[in-house]
Amino acid sequence: QYCRYAPEGSRSYAGTRVVRQEGADYFANANTDVAVIPMVETAQAVSNLDDILSVPGVDAIYVGPSDLSVTLGLKPGNNDGEPAFDAAVAQILEGCARHNVIAGCHTVSELTQRRIEQGFRMVTVTSDTVALARALDDELRRARGEEPVIRSSSMY
């Protein structure tokens, strides 16, 4: 409802901004060009997954593994192998398959192939801040005549 413009929803028109940025024809296709992707980042969201996935117009869900882990009583980050985390991931993937909704997940390069094999169809392999910080650190090391650091991926 809040992602689409009237008559399909109640999204604010804010016409001057979008017309200026997107052109006068923006509203002709605006409702068809929207992807509705709720975040599933809590144990509560996993418990309510069928309700979330059955909302008309939900195109995908996106799992935030660190936040999900914390609400499951685990440390932030990747928790593959932890029964509670693995069960939540399995429940999410099964729910998405049942409702024909795309499953998405934040991940790191080392886990990308595993996430795809598990059934996630939308993955991010890093975050902008991590990628920029690592690139800047590498450039500064090179500028000082040092070798870039080989490091393991973190979620953020």
N, C-alpha and C. Protein backbone atom coordinates (compact mmCIF):
# COMPACT_ATOMS: atom_id res chain seq x y z
N GLN A 1 0.82 -1.19 0.00
CA GLN A 1 0.00 0.00 0.00
C GLN A 1 0.87 1.26 0.00
N TYR A 2 1.92 1.29 0.83
CA TYR A 2 2.73 2.50 0.96
C TYR A 2 3.82 2.60 -0.11
N CYS A 3 3.94 1.58 -0.95
CA CYS A 3 4.93 1.59 -2.03
C CYS A 3 4.34 2.04 -3.36
N ARG A 4 3.03 2.06 -3.45
CA ARG A 4 2.38 2.37 -4.72
C ARG A 4 1.53 3.63 -4.59
N TYR A 5 1.38 4.30 -5.72
CA TYR A 5 0.57 5.52 -5.78
C TYR A 5 -0.90 5.16 -5.98
N ALA A 6 -1.79 6.09 -5.66
CA ALA A 6 -3.22 5.91 -5.88
C ALA A 6 -3.46 5.65 -7.37
N PRO A 7 -4.40 4.83 -7.71
CA PRO A 7 -5.43 4.24 -6.85
C PRO A 7 -5.02 2.92 -6.21
N GLU A 8 -3.82 2.39 -6.52
CA GLU A 8 -3.40 1.10 -5.97
C GLU A 8 -2.86 1.18 -4.56
N GLY A 9 -2.42 2.36 -4.15
CA GLY A 9 -1.83 2.50 -2.83
C GLY A 9 -1.99 3.91 -2.30
N SER A 10 -1.20 4.23 -1.29
CA SER A 10 -1.31 5.56 -0.68
C SER A 10 0.05 6.25 -0.54
N ARG A 11 0.98 5.92 -1.45
CA ARG A 11 2.29 6.55 -1.43
C ARG A 11 2.15 8.04 -1.70
N SER A 12 2.93 8.84 -1.00
CA SER A 12 2.88 10.29 -1.19
C SER A 12 3.29 10.66 -2.61
N TYR A 13 2.56 11.56 -3.19
CA TYR A 13 2.79 11.98 -4.56
C TYR A 13 4.10 12.73 -4.71
N ALA A 14 4.37 13.70 -3.85
CA ALA A 14 5.61 14.49 -3.90
C ALA A 14 6.00 14.79 -5.34
N GLY A 15 5.04 15.23 -6.11
CA GLY A 15 5.17 15.36 -7.56
C GLY A 15 6.32 16.20 -8.06
N THR A 16 6.63 17.27 -7.39
CA THR A 16 7.69 18.12 -7.92
C THR A 16 9.03 17.41 -7.94
N ARG A 17 9.32 16.60 -6.94
CA ARG A 17 10.60 15.90 -6.90
C ARG A 17 10.70 14.87 -8.01
N VAL A 18 9.71 13.98 -8.13
CA VAL A 18 9.83 12.92 -9.12
C VAL A 18 9.72 13.43 -10.54
N VAL A 19 8.88 14.42 -10.77
CA VAL A 19 8.78 14.97 -12.13
C VAL A 19 10.11 15.61 -12.52
N ARG A 20 10.71 16.32 -11.58
CA ARG A 20 12.00 16.96 -11.86
C ARG A 20 13.09 15.92 -12.11
N GLN A 21 13.09 14.84 -11.35
CA GLN A 21 14.15 13.84 -11.47
C GLN A 21 13.85 12.77 -12.52
N GLU A 22 12.60 12.39 -12.67
CA GLU A 22 12.25 11.25 -13.51
C GLU A 22 11.51 11.63 -14.79
N GLY A 23 11.01 12.84 -14.88
CA GLY A 23 10.27 13.26 -16.06
C GLY A 23 8.77 13.17 -15.86
N ALA A 24 8.04 13.86 -16.72
CA ALA A 24 6.59 13.97 -16.58
C ALA A 24 5.87 12.64 -16.75
N ASP A 25 6.48 11.68 -17.44
CA ASP A 25 5.83 10.38 -17.67
C ASP A 25 6.04 9.39 -16.53
N TYR A 26 6.68 9.80 -15.48
CA TYR A 26 7.02 8.89 -14.38
C TYR A 26 5.80 8.14 -13.85
N PHE A 27 4.72 8.83 -13.61
CA PHE A 27 3.56 8.21 -12.96
C PHE A 27 2.82 7.24 -13.87
N ALA A 28 3.06 7.27 -15.17
CA ALA A 28 2.40 6.34 -16.07
C ALA A 28 2.79 4.89 -15.75
N ASN A 29 4.02 4.68 -15.32
CA ASN A 29 4.50 3.32 -15.04
C ASN A 29 5.01 3.13 -13.61
N ALA A 30 4.86 4.13 -12.78
CA ALA A 30 5.47 4.08 -11.44
C ALA A 30 5.03 2.86 -10.64
N ASN A 31 3.77 2.51 -10.68
CA ASN A 31 3.30 1.39 -9.87
C ASN A 31 3.77 0.04 -10.40
N THR A 32 4.07 -0.05 -11.68
CA THR A 32 4.56 -1.31 -12.23
C THR A 32 6.07 -1.45 -12.08
N ASP A 33 6.76 -0.34 -11.83
CA ASP A 33 8.22 -0.35 -11.70
C ASP A 33 8.69 -0.44 -10.25
N VAL A 34 7.81 -0.78 -9.34
CA VAL A 34 8.15 -0.85 -7.92
C VAL A 34 8.41 -2.30 -7.53
N ALA A 35 9.47 -2.52 -6.78
CA ALA A 35 9.73 -3.83 -6.19
C ALA A 35 9.49 -3.71 -4.69
N VAL A 36 8.61 -4.53 -4.17
CA VAL A 36 8.31 -4.52 -2.74
C VAL A 36 9.12 -5.65 -2.10
N ILE A 37 10.09 -5.26 -1.26
CA ILE A 37 11.03 -6.22 -0.69
C ILE A 37 11.16 -5.97 0.82
N PRO A 38 10.29 -6.58 1.62
CA PRO A 38 10.41 -6.41 3.07
C PRO A 38 11.66 -7.10 3.60
N MET A 39 12.19 -6.55 4.67
CA MET A 39 13.34 -7.14 5.36
C MET A 39 12.85 -8.20 6.34
N VAL A 40 13.56 -9.31 6.39
CA VAL A 40 13.31 -10.35 7.39
C VAL A 40 14.58 -10.43 8.23
N GLU A 41 14.55 -9.70 9.35
CA GLU A 41 15.75 -9.55 10.16
C GLU A 41 15.55 -9.93 11.62
N THR A 42 14.41 -10.47 11.94
CA THR A 42 14.15 -10.80 13.34
C THR A 42 13.48 -12.17 13.44
N ALA A 43 13.62 -12.77 14.63
CA ALA A 43 12.92 -14.02 14.89
C ALA A 43 11.41 -13.82 14.75
N GLN A 44 10.93 -12.64 15.14
CA GLN A 44 9.50 -12.34 15.02
C GLN A 44 9.07 -12.34 13.55
N ALA A 45 9.90 -11.78 12.67
CA ALA A 45 9.57 -11.80 11.24
C ALA A 45 9.52 -13.23 10.72
N VAL A 46 10.45 -14.07 11.16
CA VAL A 46 10.44 -15.47 10.73
C VAL A 46 9.17 -16.15 11.23
N SER A 47 8.76 -15.87 12.46
CA SER A 47 7.52 -16.44 13.01
C SER A 47 6.29 -16.00 12.23
N ASN A 48 6.35 -14.80 11.67
CA ASN A 48 5.22 -14.24 10.92
C ASN A 48 5.44 -14.32 9.41
N LEU A 49 6.34 -15.17 8.99
CA LEU A 49 6.75 -15.20 7.59
C LEU A 49 5.61 -15.46 6.62
N ASP A 50 4.74 -16.43 6.93
CA ASP A 50 3.63 -16.71 6.01
C ASP A 50 2.73 -15.50 5.84
N ASP A 51 2.50 -14.76 6.92
CA ASP A 51 1.69 -13.54 6.81
C ASP A 51 2.38 -12.51 5.94
N ILE A 52 3.68 -12.35 6.11
CA ILE A 52 4.45 -11.38 5.32
C ILE A 52 4.43 -11.77 3.85
N LEU A 53 4.70 -13.05 3.58
CA LEU A 53 4.79 -13.52 2.20
C LEU A 53 3.45 -13.56 1.48
N SER A 54 2.36 -13.57 2.22
CA SER A 54 1.04 -13.63 1.58
C SER A 54 0.46 -12.25 1.30
N VAL A 55 1.17 -11.19 1.66
CA VAL A 55 0.71 -9.83 1.34
C VAL A 55 0.77 -9.65 -0.18
N PRO A 56 -0.34 -9.30 -0.80
CA PRO A 56 -0.33 -9.10 -2.25
C PRO A 56 0.70 -8.04 -2.66
N GLY A 57 1.47 -8.36 -3.69
CA GLY A 57 2.44 -7.40 -4.21
C GLY A 57 3.84 -7.54 -3.65
N VAL A 58 4.06 -8.43 -2.67
CA VAL A 58 5.42 -8.64 -2.17
C VAL A 58 6.18 -9.43 -3.24
N ASP A 59 7.27 -8.84 -3.73
CA ASP A 59 8.05 -9.45 -4.80
C ASP A 59 9.18 -10.34 -4.28
N ALA A 60 9.75 -9.96 -3.16
CA ALA A 60 10.90 -10.67 -2.60
C ALA A 60 10.98 -10.33 -1.12
N ILE A 61 11.80 -11.07 -0.41
CA ILE A 61 12.17 -10.68 0.96
C ILE A 61 13.69 -10.64 0.98
N TYR A 62 14.22 -9.92 1.96
CA TYR A 62 15.67 -9.79 2.06
C TYR A 62 16.07 -10.07 3.50
N VAL A 63 16.93 -11.07 3.68
CA VAL A 63 17.37 -11.48 5.00
C VAL A 63 18.60 -10.68 5.41
N GLY A 64 18.52 -10.08 6.58
CA GLY A 64 19.68 -9.45 7.20
C GLY A 64 20.23 -10.43 8.23
N PRO A 65 21.27 -11.21 7.88
CA PRO A 65 21.71 -12.29 8.75
C PRO A 65 22.26 -11.85 10.11
N SER A 66 22.90 -10.70 10.18
CA SER A 66 23.44 -10.26 11.47
C SER A 66 22.32 -9.90 12.44
N ASP A 67 21.38 -9.09 11.98
CA ASP A 67 20.26 -8.73 12.85
C ASP A 67 19.43 -9.95 13.21
N LEU A 68 19.20 -10.83 12.24
CA LEU A 68 18.46 -12.05 12.53
C LEU A 68 19.19 -12.87 13.59
N SER A 69 20.50 -12.99 13.45
CA SER A 69 21.29 -13.76 14.41
C SER A 69 21.14 -13.22 15.82
N VAL A 70 21.23 -11.91 15.97
CA VAL A 70 21.13 -11.30 17.30
C VAL A 70 19.78 -11.62 17.94
N THR A 71 18.70 -11.55 17.15
CA THR A 71 17.38 -11.82 17.72
C THR A 71 17.17 -13.30 18.01
N LEU A 72 18.05 -14.14 17.45
CA LEU A 72 18.01 -15.57 17.76
C LEU A 72 18.92 -15.91 18.94
N GLY A 73 19.53 -14.88 19.54
CA GLY A 73 20.41 -15.10 20.68
C GLY A 73 21.83 -15.47 20.30
N LEU A 74 22.21 -15.20 19.06
CA LEU A 74 23.55 -15.53 18.57
C LEU A 74 24.38 -14.27 18.40
N LYS A 75 25.66 -14.45 18.11
CA LYS A 75 26.52 -13.30 17.85
C LYS A 75 26.16 -12.71 16.49
N PRO A 76 26.42 -11.42 16.28
CA PRO A 76 26.16 -10.82 14.97
C PRO A 76 27.05 -11.46 13.91
N GLY A 77 26.55 -11.53 12.70
CA GLY A 77 27.35 -12.05 11.58
C GLY A 77 26.78 -13.34 11.05
N ASN A 78 27.64 -14.06 10.34
CA ASN A 78 27.26 -15.33 9.76
C ASN A 78 27.25 -16.39 10.85
N ASN A 79 26.18 -17.14 10.91
CA ASN A 79 26.07 -18.19 11.92
C ASN A 79 25.68 -19.53 11.32
N ASP A 80 26.15 -19.80 10.09
CA ASP A 80 25.92 -21.10 9.50
C ASP A 80 26.44 -22.17 10.46
N GLY A 81 25.69 -23.24 10.60
CA GLY A 81 26.08 -24.30 11.51
C GLY A 81 25.43 -24.19 12.88
N GLU A 82 24.93 -23.02 13.21
CA GLU A 82 24.18 -22.86 14.46
C GLU A 82 22.75 -23.33 14.19
N PRO A 83 22.26 -24.29 14.96
CA PRO A 83 20.93 -24.85 14.67
C PRO A 83 19.81 -23.81 14.54
N ALA A 84 19.78 -22.82 15.40
CA ALA A 84 18.70 -21.82 15.34
C ALA A 84 18.79 -21.01 14.05
N PHE A 85 19.99 -20.64 13.66
CA PHE A 85 20.17 -19.86 12.43
C PHE A 85 19.82 -20.70 11.21
N ASP A 86 20.35 -21.92 11.16
CA ASP A 86 20.08 -22.80 10.02
C ASP A 86 18.59 -23.09 9.89
N ALA A 87 17.91 -23.28 11.01
CA ALA A 87 16.46 -23.54 10.98
C ALA A 87 15.70 -22.33 10.46
N ALA A 88 16.11 -21.13 10.88
CA ALA A 88 15.45 -19.91 10.41
C ALA A 88 15.65 -19.74 8.91
N VAL A 89 16.88 -19.97 8.43
CA VAL A 89 17.15 -19.86 6.99
C VAL A 89 16.32 -20.87 6.22
N ALA A 90 16.26 -22.10 6.70
CA ALA A 90 15.45 -23.13 6.03
C ALA A 90 13.98 -22.74 6.00
N GLN A 91 13.47 -22.22 7.10
CA GLN A 91 12.07 -21.79 7.16
C GLN A 91 11.81 -20.66 6.17
N ILE A 92 12.74 -19.74 6.07
CA ILE A 92 12.60 -18.62 5.13
C ILE A 92 12.56 -19.12 3.70
N LEU A 93 13.51 -19.98 3.35
CA LEU A 93 13.56 -20.50 1.98
C LEU A 93 12.33 -21.34 1.64
N GLU A 94 11.87 -22.15 2.58
CA GLU A 94 10.67 -22.95 2.36
C GLU A 94 9.45 -22.06 2.18
N GLY A 95 9.33 -21.03 3.00
CA GLY A 95 8.20 -20.10 2.88
C GLY A 95 8.20 -19.37 1.56
N CYS A 96 9.37 -18.92 1.14
CA CYS A 96 9.46 -18.22 -0.14
C CYS A 96 9.07 -19.14 -1.29
N ALA A 97 9.51 -20.39 -1.24
CA ALA A 97 9.15 -21.34 -2.28
C ALA A 97 7.64 -21.58 -2.30
N ARG A 98 7.04 -21.73 -1.13
CA ARG A 98 5.59 -21.95 -1.03
C ARG A 98 4.79 -20.79 -1.62
N HIS A 99 5.27 -19.58 -1.38
CA HIS A 99 4.53 -18.38 -1.81
C HIS A 99 5.04 -17.82 -3.13
N ASN A 100 6.00 -18.49 -3.74
CA ASN A 100 6.58 -18.03 -5.01
C ASN A 100 7.12 -16.59 -4.89
N VAL A 101 7.85 -16.35 -3.82
CA VAL A 101 8.47 -15.04 -3.56
C VAL A 101 9.98 -15.24 -3.58
N ILE A 102 10.68 -14.34 -4.20
CA ILE A 102 12.14 -14.42 -4.29
C ILE A 102 12.76 -14.24 -2.91
N ALA A 103 13.71 -15.10 -2.58
CA ALA A 103 14.46 -14.99 -1.32
C ALA A 103 15.78 -14.28 -1.59
N GLY A 104 16.04 -13.24 -0.81
CA GLY A 104 17.29 -12.50 -0.93
C GLY A 104 18.03 -12.49 0.39
N CYS A 105 19.34 -12.27 0.34
CA CYS A 105 20.14 -12.32 1.56
C CYS A 105 21.42 -11.51 1.39
N HIS A 106 21.79 -10.81 2.45
CA HIS A 106 23.11 -10.19 2.48
C HIS A 106 24.12 -11.29 2.80
N THR A 107 25.27 -11.23 2.16
CA THR A 107 26.28 -12.26 2.39
C THR A 107 27.67 -11.67 2.16
N VAL A 108 28.64 -12.52 2.12
CA VAL A 108 30.02 -12.14 1.81
C VAL A 108 30.48 -13.03 0.67
N SER A 109 31.58 -12.66 0.03
CA SER A 109 32.02 -13.39 -1.16
C SER A 109 32.19 -14.88 -0.89
N GLU A 110 32.74 -15.25 0.27
CA GLU A 110 32.97 -16.66 0.57
C GLU A 110 31.68 -17.47 0.69
N LEU A 111 30.58 -16.82 1.00
CA LEU A 111 29.31 -17.53 1.19
C LEU A 111 28.35 -17.38 0.02
N THR A 112 28.72 -16.60 -0.98
CA THR A 112 27.79 -16.31 -2.07
C THR A 112 27.31 -17.58 -2.76
N GLN A 113 28.23 -18.45 -3.18
CA GLN A 113 27.84 -19.66 -3.89
C GLN A 113 26.96 -20.54 -3.01
N ARG A 114 27.29 -20.65 -1.73
CA ARG A 114 26.46 -21.45 -0.81
C ARG A 114 25.05 -20.90 -0.73
N ARG A 115 24.92 -19.58 -0.62
CA ARG A 115 23.59 -18.97 -0.52
C ARG A 115 22.78 -19.24 -1.80
N ILE A 116 23.44 -19.15 -2.95
CA ILE A 116 22.74 -19.42 -4.21
C ILE A 116 22.30 -20.89 -4.24
N GLU A 117 23.19 -21.79 -3.85
CA GLU A 117 22.85 -23.22 -3.82
C GLU A 117 21.72 -23.51 -2.84
N GLN A 118 21.64 -22.75 -1.75
CA GLN A 118 20.56 -22.93 -0.78
C GLN A 118 19.21 -22.52 -1.37
N GLY A 119 19.22 -21.62 -2.35
CA GLY A 119 17.97 -21.17 -2.96
C GLY A 119 17.76 -19.68 -2.94
N PHE A 120 18.71 -18.92 -2.40
CA PHE A 120 18.59 -17.46 -2.46
C PHE A 120 18.83 -17.02 -3.90
N ARG A 121 17.91 -16.23 -4.43
CA ARG A 121 18.01 -15.77 -5.82
C ARG A 121 18.48 -14.33 -5.93
N MET A 122 18.62 -13.66 -4.81
CA MET A 122 19.09 -12.28 -4.80
C MET A 122 20.08 -12.19 -3.64
N VAL A 123 21.35 -11.93 -3.95
CA VAL A 123 22.37 -11.84 -2.90
C VAL A 123 23.21 -10.58 -3.09
N THR A 124 23.61 -10.01 -1.99
CA THR A 124 24.61 -8.95 -2.03
C THR A 124 25.86 -9.50 -1.38
N VAL A 125 27.01 -9.22 -1.97
CA VAL A 125 28.25 -9.86 -1.52
C VAL A 125 29.11 -8.98 -0.63
N THR A 126 28.70 -7.76 -0.41
CA THR A 126 29.40 -6.86 0.50
C THR A 126 28.50 -5.66 0.73
N SER A 127 29.03 -4.69 1.42
CA SER A 127 28.32 -3.42 1.56
C SER A 127 29.20 -2.32 0.99
N ASP A 128 28.59 -1.21 0.64
CA ASP A 128 29.36 -0.12 0.05
C ASP A 128 30.45 0.37 1.00
N THR A 129 30.13 0.48 2.27
CA THR A 129 31.12 1.01 3.21
C THR A 129 32.30 0.06 3.38
N VAL A 130 32.05 -1.25 3.41
CA VAL A 130 33.14 -2.21 3.52
C VAL A 130 34.01 -2.17 2.27
N ALA A 131 33.38 -2.18 1.10
CA ALA A 131 34.14 -2.17 -0.15
C ALA A 131 34.98 -0.90 -0.27
N LEU A 132 34.41 0.25 0.05
CA LEU A 132 35.16 1.50 -0.04
C LEU A 132 36.28 1.56 0.99
N ALA A 133 36.02 1.14 2.21
CA ALA A 133 37.05 1.17 3.25
C ALA A 133 38.22 0.26 2.89
N ARG A 134 37.92 -0.92 2.38
CA ARG A 134 38.99 -1.84 2.00
C ARG A 134 39.79 -1.30 0.82
N ALA A 135 39.10 -0.76 -0.17
CA ALA A 135 39.80 -0.20 -1.32
C ALA A 135 40.68 0.97 -0.91
N LEU A 136 40.18 1.84 -0.06
CA LEU A 136 40.97 2.98 0.41
C LEU A 136 42.18 2.50 1.21
N ASP A 137 41.97 1.53 2.09
CA ASP A 137 43.08 0.99 2.86
C ASP A 137 44.15 0.40 1.94
N ASP A 138 43.73 -0.36 0.93
CA ASP A 138 44.68 -0.93 -0.03
C ASP A 138 45.45 0.16 -0.78
N GLU A 139 44.74 1.20 -1.22
CA GLU A 139 45.40 2.29 -1.95
C GLU A 139 46.42 3.02 -1.07
N LEU A 140 46.06 3.29 0.17
CA LEU A 140 46.99 3.95 1.09
C LEU A 140 48.21 3.08 1.36
N ARG A 141 48.02 1.79 1.50
CA ARG A 141 49.16 0.88 1.70
C ARG A 141 50.07 0.90 0.48
N ARG A 142 49.49 0.85 -0.71
CA ARG A 142 50.30 0.90 -1.93
C ARG A 142 51.06 2.22 -2.02
N ALA A 143 50.40 3.31 -1.66
CA ALA A 143 51.04 4.63 -1.71
C ALA A 143 52.25 4.69 -0.76
N ARG A 144 52.20 3.94 0.32
CA ARG A 144 53.31 3.90 1.28
C ARG A 144 54.33 2.82 0.91
N GLY A 145 54.11 2.14 -0.22
CA GLY A 145 55.03 1.09 -0.63
C GLY A 145 54.79 -0.23 0.07
N GLU A 146 53.64 -0.39 0.68
CA GLU A 146 53.29 -1.63 1.40
C GLU A 146 52.38 -2.49 0.53
N GLU A 147 52.32 -3.75 0.87
CA GLU A 147 51.41 -4.66 0.19
C GLU A 147 50.02 -4.57 0.83
N PRO A 148 48.97 -4.66 0.01
CA PRO A 148 47.62 -4.70 0.59
C PRO A 148 47.47 -5.91 1.51
N VAL A 149 46.60 -5.80 2.47
CA VAL A 149 46.37 -6.85 3.45
C VAL A 149 45.39 -7.87 2.89
N ILE A 150 45.72 -9.14 3.06
CA ILE A 150 44.76 -10.20 2.74
C ILE A 150 43.91 -10.39 3.99
N ARG A 151 42.62 -10.24 3.85
CA ARG A 151 41.74 -10.32 5.02
C ARG A 151 40.52 -11.16 4.70
N SER A 152 39.95 -11.70 5.73
CA SER A 152 38.71 -12.46 5.55
C SER A 152 37.56 -11.47 5.48
N SER A 153 36.50 -11.91 4.86
CA SER A 153 35.33 -11.05 4.73
C SER A 153 34.57 -10.97 6.04
N SER A 154 34.05 -9.81 6.33
CA SER A 154 33.10 -9.68 7.42
C SER A 154 31.78 -9.26 6.80
N MET A 155 30.72 -9.39 7.54
CA MET A 155 29.41 -9.04 6.99
C MET A 155 29.29 -7.57 6.67
N TYR A 156 29.97 -6.72 7.48
CA TYR A 156 29.79 -5.29 7.29
C TYR A 156 31.11 -4.58 7.44
